[in-house]
Amino acid sequence: MVTSCTTERHDHHDVYAAQCPCREVLDLLANKWSALAIGALEEGPQRFGALQRRLEGVSPKVLTSTLRRLEEKGFVDRTIYPAVPLHVEYELTPLGRSVAQPLAQLRGWVEDHLDEIPVG
């Protein structure tokens, strides 16, 4: 069986195929900061500072990069409100909301099973 996966739309995507763009999306969503940002945004639109406080330990640079990548792929919307100082909010798109539940299950599984896993 020959597996191919191109950037054009087609009936079959194969995340195991080396050139499948699925891998880029999987890499983005499997990233801890992406999974945590999506989880935090389930609570509703949030400003950058609120997200940074919620995601303890994330640097501004990493959070900015993560939010940009999520926005580029259509998981997050960024809204700029004309105010002084500038007011920017991030929120999940319908696509982002659709992936939020599977990521919540993964986060919950990790919390439930952490004591069974060697860490550190």
N, C-alpha and C. Protein backbone atom coordinates (compact mmCIF):
# COMPACT_ATOMS: atom_id res chain seq x y z
N MET A 1 0.85 -1.18 0.00
CA MET A 1 0.00 0.00 0.00
C MET A 1 0.90 1.24 0.00
N VAL A 2 0.67 2.13 -0.92
CA VAL A 2 1.43 3.37 -1.01
C VAL A 2 0.64 4.46 -0.29
N THR A 3 1.32 5.15 0.60
CA THR A 3 0.67 6.21 1.36
C THR A 3 1.20 7.54 0.87
N SER A 4 0.30 8.42 0.54
CA SER A 4 0.74 9.76 0.19
C SER A 4 -0.13 10.77 0.91
N CYS A 5 0.43 11.89 1.18
CA CYS A 5 -0.29 12.94 1.87
C CYS A 5 0.28 14.26 1.38
N THR A 6 -0.51 15.00 0.66
CA THR A 6 -0.05 16.28 0.13
C THR A 6 -0.77 17.41 0.83
N THR A 7 -0.42 18.62 0.47
CA THR A 7 -1.07 19.77 1.11
C THR A 7 -2.44 20.05 0.50
N GLU A 8 -2.76 19.42 -0.62
CA GLU A 8 -4.08 19.60 -1.22
C GLU A 8 -5.10 18.77 -0.45
N ARG A 9 -6.36 19.20 -0.51
CA ARG A 9 -7.42 18.45 0.17
C ARG A 9 -7.64 17.13 -0.56
N HIS A 10 -7.81 16.08 0.24
CA HIS A 10 -8.08 14.78 -0.33
C HIS A 10 -8.82 13.93 0.69
N ASP A 11 -9.24 12.74 0.29
CA ASP A 11 -10.08 11.91 1.14
C ASP A 11 -9.35 11.27 2.32
N HIS A 12 -8.05 11.13 2.20
CA HIS A 12 -7.33 10.38 3.23
C HIS A 12 -6.08 11.14 3.70
N HIS A 13 -6.02 11.36 4.97
CA HIS A 13 -4.82 11.93 5.58
C HIS A 13 -4.16 10.83 6.40
N ASP A 14 -2.86 10.77 6.38
CA ASP A 14 -2.14 9.74 7.11
C ASP A 14 -1.02 10.37 7.92
N VAL A 15 -1.25 10.50 9.21
CA VAL A 15 -0.29 11.15 10.10
C VAL A 15 1.03 10.38 10.14
N TYR A 16 1.02 9.14 9.71
CA TYR A 16 2.24 8.34 9.69
C TYR A 16 3.07 8.57 8.44
N ALA A 17 2.49 9.22 7.43
CA ALA A 17 3.22 9.52 6.20
C ALA A 17 4.18 10.69 6.45
N ALA A 18 5.41 10.53 6.02
CA ALA A 18 6.46 11.51 6.32
C ALA A 18 6.11 12.93 5.88
N GLN A 19 5.47 13.08 4.74
CA GLN A 19 5.21 14.42 4.21
C GLN A 19 3.80 14.93 4.51
N CYS A 20 3.05 14.22 5.32
CA CYS A 20 1.67 14.64 5.60
C CYS A 20 1.65 15.87 6.50
N PRO A 21 0.90 16.90 6.11
CA PRO A 21 0.80 18.10 6.95
C PRO A 21 0.12 17.84 8.29
N CYS A 22 -0.48 16.67 8.43
CA CYS A 22 -1.07 16.30 9.72
C CYS A 22 -0.03 16.38 10.83
N ARG A 23 1.21 16.04 10.49
CA ARG A 23 2.26 16.02 11.51
C ARG A 23 2.51 17.41 12.09
N GLU A 24 2.42 18.43 11.27
CA GLU A 24 2.63 19.80 11.75
C GLU A 24 1.54 20.17 12.76
N VAL A 25 0.30 19.78 12.46
CA VAL A 25 -0.81 20.09 13.36
C VAL A 25 -0.68 19.27 14.64
N LEU A 26 -0.31 18.00 14.50
CA LEU A 26 -0.11 17.16 15.68
C LEU A 26 0.99 17.73 16.57
N ASP A 27 2.07 18.18 15.96
CA ASP A 27 3.17 18.78 16.71
C ASP A 27 2.69 20.02 17.48
N LEU A 28 1.88 20.84 16.84
CA LEU A 28 1.35 22.04 17.50
C LEU A 28 0.46 21.67 18.67
N LEU A 29 -0.48 20.76 18.45
CA LEU A 29 -1.46 20.44 19.49
C LEU A 29 -0.87 19.60 20.61
N ALA A 30 0.17 18.82 20.33
CA ALA A 30 0.79 17.98 21.35
C ALA A 30 1.77 18.77 22.21
N ASN A 31 2.04 20.01 21.84
CA ASN A 31 2.93 20.87 22.62
C ASN A 31 2.24 21.24 23.93
N LYS A 32 2.99 21.15 25.04
CA LYS A 32 2.36 21.41 26.34
C LYS A 32 1.75 22.80 26.43
N TRP A 33 2.43 23.82 25.90
CA TRP A 33 1.90 25.17 26.03
C TRP A 33 0.65 25.36 25.18
N SER A 34 0.59 24.73 24.03
CA SER A 34 -0.63 24.80 23.21
C SER A 34 -1.79 24.14 23.93
N ALA A 35 -1.55 22.94 24.46
CA ALA A 35 -2.61 22.22 25.17
C ALA A 35 -3.10 23.00 26.39
N LEU A 36 -2.17 23.64 27.09
CA LEU A 36 -2.56 24.42 28.27
C LEU A 36 -3.25 25.72 27.88
N ALA A 37 -2.78 26.39 26.83
CA ALA A 37 -3.41 27.64 26.38
C ALA A 37 -4.84 27.37 25.91
N ILE A 38 -5.03 26.30 25.16
CA ILE A 38 -6.38 25.96 24.70
C ILE A 38 -7.27 25.68 25.90
N GLY A 39 -6.74 24.96 26.89
CA GLY A 39 -7.51 24.69 28.10
C GLY A 39 -7.89 25.95 28.84
N ALA A 40 -6.95 26.87 28.97
CA ALA A 40 -7.23 28.13 29.66
C ALA A 40 -8.27 28.95 28.90
N LEU A 41 -8.22 28.90 27.58
CA LEU A 41 -9.16 29.68 26.76
C LEU A 41 -10.55 29.07 26.72
N GLU A 42 -10.70 27.85 27.22
CA GLU A 42 -12.04 27.26 27.34
C GLU A 42 -12.91 28.08 28.28
N GLU A 43 -12.26 28.80 29.20
CA GLU A 43 -12.98 29.64 30.17
C GLU A 43 -13.53 30.91 29.54
N GLY A 44 -13.16 31.18 28.28
CA GLY A 44 -13.64 32.37 27.59
C GLY A 44 -12.48 33.24 27.15
N PRO A 45 -12.80 34.34 26.44
CA PRO A 45 -11.75 35.24 25.94
C PRO A 45 -10.88 35.76 27.09
N GLN A 46 -9.58 35.85 26.81
CA GLN A 46 -8.65 36.32 27.84
C GLN A 46 -7.59 37.20 27.23
N ARG A 47 -7.10 38.10 28.04
CA ARG A 47 -5.98 38.96 27.65
C ARG A 47 -4.68 38.20 27.86
N PHE A 48 -3.63 38.68 27.22
CA PHE A 48 -2.32 38.03 27.27
C PHE A 48 -1.84 37.85 28.72
N GLY A 49 -1.92 38.91 29.50
CA GLY A 49 -1.44 38.85 30.88
C GLY A 49 -2.17 37.81 31.71
N ALA A 50 -3.48 37.71 31.52
CA ALA A 50 -4.27 36.71 32.26
C ALA A 50 -3.85 35.30 31.84
N LEU A 51 -3.61 35.10 30.56
CA LEU A 51 -3.14 33.79 30.09
C LEU A 51 -1.77 33.46 30.67
N GLN A 52 -0.90 34.43 30.69
CA GLN A 52 0.45 34.19 31.21
C GLN A 52 0.40 33.83 32.70
N ARG A 53 -0.46 34.49 33.45
CA ARG A 53 -0.60 34.16 34.87
C ARG A 53 -1.18 32.75 35.06
N ARG A 54 -2.15 32.40 34.22
CA ARG A 54 -2.79 31.08 34.31
C ARG A 54 -1.82 29.96 33.95
N LEU A 55 -0.97 30.19 32.96
CA LEU A 55 -0.01 29.19 32.49
C LEU A 55 1.32 29.42 33.22
N GLU A 56 1.33 29.13 34.49
CA GLU A 56 2.51 29.39 35.32
C GLU A 56 3.77 28.80 34.67
N GLY A 57 4.81 29.63 34.58
CA GLY A 57 6.09 29.17 34.07
C GLY A 57 6.33 29.45 32.60
N VAL A 58 5.32 29.90 31.87
CA VAL A 58 5.53 30.20 30.44
C VAL A 58 6.13 31.60 30.31
N SER A 59 7.13 31.72 29.45
CA SER A 59 7.73 33.03 29.22
C SER A 59 6.86 33.82 28.24
N PRO A 60 6.95 35.14 28.26
CA PRO A 60 6.18 35.94 27.30
C PRO A 60 6.51 35.56 25.85
N LYS A 61 7.78 35.29 25.58
CA LYS A 61 8.20 34.94 24.22
C LYS A 61 7.55 33.63 23.76
N VAL A 62 7.56 32.62 24.62
CA VAL A 62 6.98 31.32 24.28
C VAL A 62 5.47 31.43 24.14
N LEU A 63 4.82 32.16 25.04
CA LEU A 63 3.37 32.32 24.95
C LEU A 63 2.99 33.07 23.67
N THR A 64 3.72 34.11 23.34
CA THR A 64 3.46 34.85 22.10
C THR A 64 3.59 33.92 20.89
N SER A 65 4.66 33.15 20.84
CA SER A 65 4.88 32.22 19.74
C SER A 65 3.76 31.18 19.66
N THR A 66 3.38 30.64 20.80
CA THR A 66 2.32 29.62 20.85
C THR A 66 1.00 30.20 20.35
N LEU A 67 0.64 31.38 20.85
CA LEU A 67 -0.63 32.00 20.42
C LEU A 67 -0.62 32.34 18.94
N ARG A 68 0.52 32.78 18.42
CA ARG A 68 0.62 33.07 16.98
C ARG A 68 0.41 31.81 16.15
N ARG A 69 1.05 30.72 16.57
CA ARG A 69 0.91 29.46 15.82
C ARG A 69 -0.54 28.96 15.89
N LEU A 70 -1.17 29.07 17.05
CA LEU A 70 -2.56 28.65 17.18
C LEU A 70 -3.48 29.52 16.33
N GLU A 71 -3.16 30.80 16.26
CA GLU A 71 -3.95 31.71 15.43
C GLU A 71 -3.75 31.40 13.95
N GLU A 72 -2.51 31.17 13.53
CA GLU A 72 -2.22 30.86 12.13
C GLU A 72 -2.95 29.61 11.65
N LYS A 73 -3.12 28.64 12.53
CA LYS A 73 -3.77 27.38 12.17
C LYS A 73 -5.28 27.41 12.39
N GLY A 74 -5.80 28.54 12.88
CA GLY A 74 -7.25 28.69 13.00
C GLY A 74 -7.86 28.19 14.29
N PHE A 75 -7.05 27.95 15.33
CA PHE A 75 -7.58 27.49 16.61
C PHE A 75 -7.93 28.64 17.55
N VAL A 76 -7.31 29.79 17.33
CA VAL A 76 -7.49 30.95 18.22
C VAL A 76 -7.72 32.20 17.38
N ASP A 77 -8.62 33.04 17.85
CA ASP A 77 -8.81 34.37 17.26
C ASP A 77 -8.19 35.41 18.18
N ARG A 78 -7.59 36.41 17.57
CA ARG A 78 -6.98 37.53 18.30
C ARG A 78 -7.77 38.77 17.93
N THR A 79 -8.34 39.45 18.93
CA THR A 79 -9.12 40.65 18.70
C THR A 79 -8.44 41.83 19.36
N ILE A 80 -8.23 42.89 18.58
CA ILE A 80 -7.62 44.11 19.10
C ILE A 80 -8.72 45.14 19.29
N TYR A 81 -8.81 45.67 20.49
CA TYR A 81 -9.80 46.71 20.79
C TYR A 81 -9.08 48.05 20.86
N PRO A 82 -9.58 49.05 20.14
CA PRO A 82 -8.93 50.36 20.16
C PRO A 82 -9.16 51.05 21.50
N ALA A 83 -8.15 51.04 22.29
CA ALA A 83 -8.21 51.66 23.62
C ALA A 83 -6.79 52.09 23.98
N VAL A 84 -6.69 52.90 25.00
CA VAL A 84 -5.38 53.29 25.50
C VAL A 84 -5.33 52.84 26.96
N PRO A 85 -4.45 51.89 27.30
CA PRO A 85 -3.54 51.18 26.40
C PRO A 85 -4.30 50.16 25.53
N LEU A 86 -3.63 49.67 24.52
CA LEU A 86 -4.20 48.72 23.59
C LEU A 86 -4.74 47.50 24.34
N HIS A 87 -5.91 47.05 23.95
CA HIS A 87 -6.58 45.91 24.60
C HIS A 87 -6.67 44.79 23.57
N VAL A 88 -6.00 43.66 23.84
CA VAL A 88 -6.01 42.51 22.94
C VAL A 88 -6.54 41.31 23.70
N GLU A 89 -7.48 40.61 23.07
CA GLU A 89 -8.03 39.39 23.67
C GLU A 89 -7.86 38.22 22.72
N TYR A 90 -7.70 37.05 23.32
CA TYR A 90 -7.59 35.80 22.58
C TYR A 90 -8.78 34.93 22.96
N GLU A 91 -9.33 34.23 21.97
CA GLU A 91 -10.41 33.30 22.26
C GLU A 91 -10.37 32.15 21.27
N LEU A 92 -10.97 31.04 21.67
CA LEU A 92 -11.01 29.87 20.81
C LEU A 92 -11.99 30.09 19.66
N THR A 93 -11.62 29.62 18.50
CA THR A 93 -12.51 29.59 17.35
C THR A 93 -13.36 28.31 17.47
N PRO A 94 -14.33 28.11 16.59
CA PRO A 94 -15.04 26.82 16.60
C PRO A 94 -14.09 25.63 16.45
N LEU A 95 -13.06 25.77 15.61
CA LEU A 95 -12.08 24.71 15.46
C LEU A 95 -11.33 24.48 16.78
N GLY A 96 -10.96 25.56 17.45
CA GLY A 96 -10.28 25.46 18.74
C GLY A 96 -11.17 24.81 19.80
N ARG A 97 -12.45 25.16 19.80
CA ARG A 97 -13.38 24.54 20.75
C ARG A 97 -13.54 23.05 20.46
N SER A 98 -13.45 22.67 19.18
CA SER A 98 -13.62 21.25 18.83
C SER A 98 -12.46 20.40 19.31
N VAL A 99 -11.28 20.97 19.43
CA VAL A 99 -10.12 20.21 19.92
C VAL A 99 -9.95 20.35 21.43
N ALA A 100 -10.66 21.28 22.04
CA ALA A 100 -10.51 21.52 23.48
C ALA A 100 -10.88 20.29 24.31
N GLN A 101 -11.95 19.61 23.95
CA GLN A 101 -12.40 18.45 24.73
C GLN A 101 -11.40 17.30 24.69
N PRO A 102 -10.90 16.89 23.52
CA PRO A 102 -9.88 15.83 23.54
C PRO A 102 -8.64 16.22 24.33
N LEU A 103 -8.22 17.48 24.24
CA LEU A 103 -7.06 17.92 25.01
C LEU A 103 -7.37 17.94 26.51
N ALA A 104 -8.60 18.28 26.88
CA ALA A 104 -9.00 18.26 28.29
C ALA A 104 -8.94 16.82 28.82
N GLN A 105 -9.36 15.88 27.99
CA GLN A 105 -9.29 14.47 28.40
C GLN A 105 -7.84 14.04 28.61
N LEU A 106 -6.96 14.47 27.73
CA LEU A 106 -5.55 14.14 27.88
C LEU A 106 -4.97 14.76 29.15
N ARG A 107 -5.26 16.04 29.38
CA ARG A 107 -4.77 16.70 30.60
C ARG A 107 -5.29 15.98 31.84
N GLY A 108 -6.56 15.61 31.83
CA GLY A 108 -7.15 14.89 32.96
C GLY A 108 -6.51 13.53 33.16
N TRP A 109 -6.25 12.83 32.06
CA TRP A 109 -5.60 11.52 32.15
C TRP A 109 -4.22 11.67 32.80
N VAL A 110 -3.46 12.68 32.38
CA VAL A 110 -2.13 12.90 32.93
C VAL A 110 -2.22 13.15 34.44
N GLU A 111 -3.14 14.00 34.87
CA GLU A 111 -3.29 14.28 36.29
C GLU A 111 -3.70 13.03 37.07
N ASP A 112 -4.60 12.22 36.50
CA ASP A 112 -5.09 11.01 37.17
C ASP A 112 -4.03 9.92 37.28
N HIS A 113 -3.10 9.86 36.33
CA HIS A 113 -2.14 8.76 36.28
C HIS A 113 -0.70 9.17 36.60
N LEU A 114 -0.49 10.40 36.98
CA LEU A 114 0.87 10.88 37.21
C LEU A 114 1.62 10.03 38.23
N ASP A 115 0.93 9.58 39.27
CA ASP A 115 1.60 8.80 40.31
C ASP A 115 2.09 7.44 39.80
N GLU A 116 1.59 7.00 38.65
CA GLU A 116 2.01 5.72 38.08
C GLU A 116 3.20 5.87 37.13
N ILE A 117 3.58 7.11 36.85
CA ILE A 117 4.59 7.39 35.83
C ILE A 117 5.85 7.94 36.48
N PRO A 118 7.01 7.33 36.18
CA PRO A 118 8.25 7.91 36.70
C PRO A 118 8.49 9.31 36.07
N VAL A 119 8.66 10.30 36.90
CA VAL A 119 8.93 11.66 36.40
C VAL A 119 10.19 12.19 37.06
N GLY A 120 10.76 13.18 36.40
CA GLY A 120 11.91 13.85 36.99
C GLY A 120 13.23 13.38 36.56
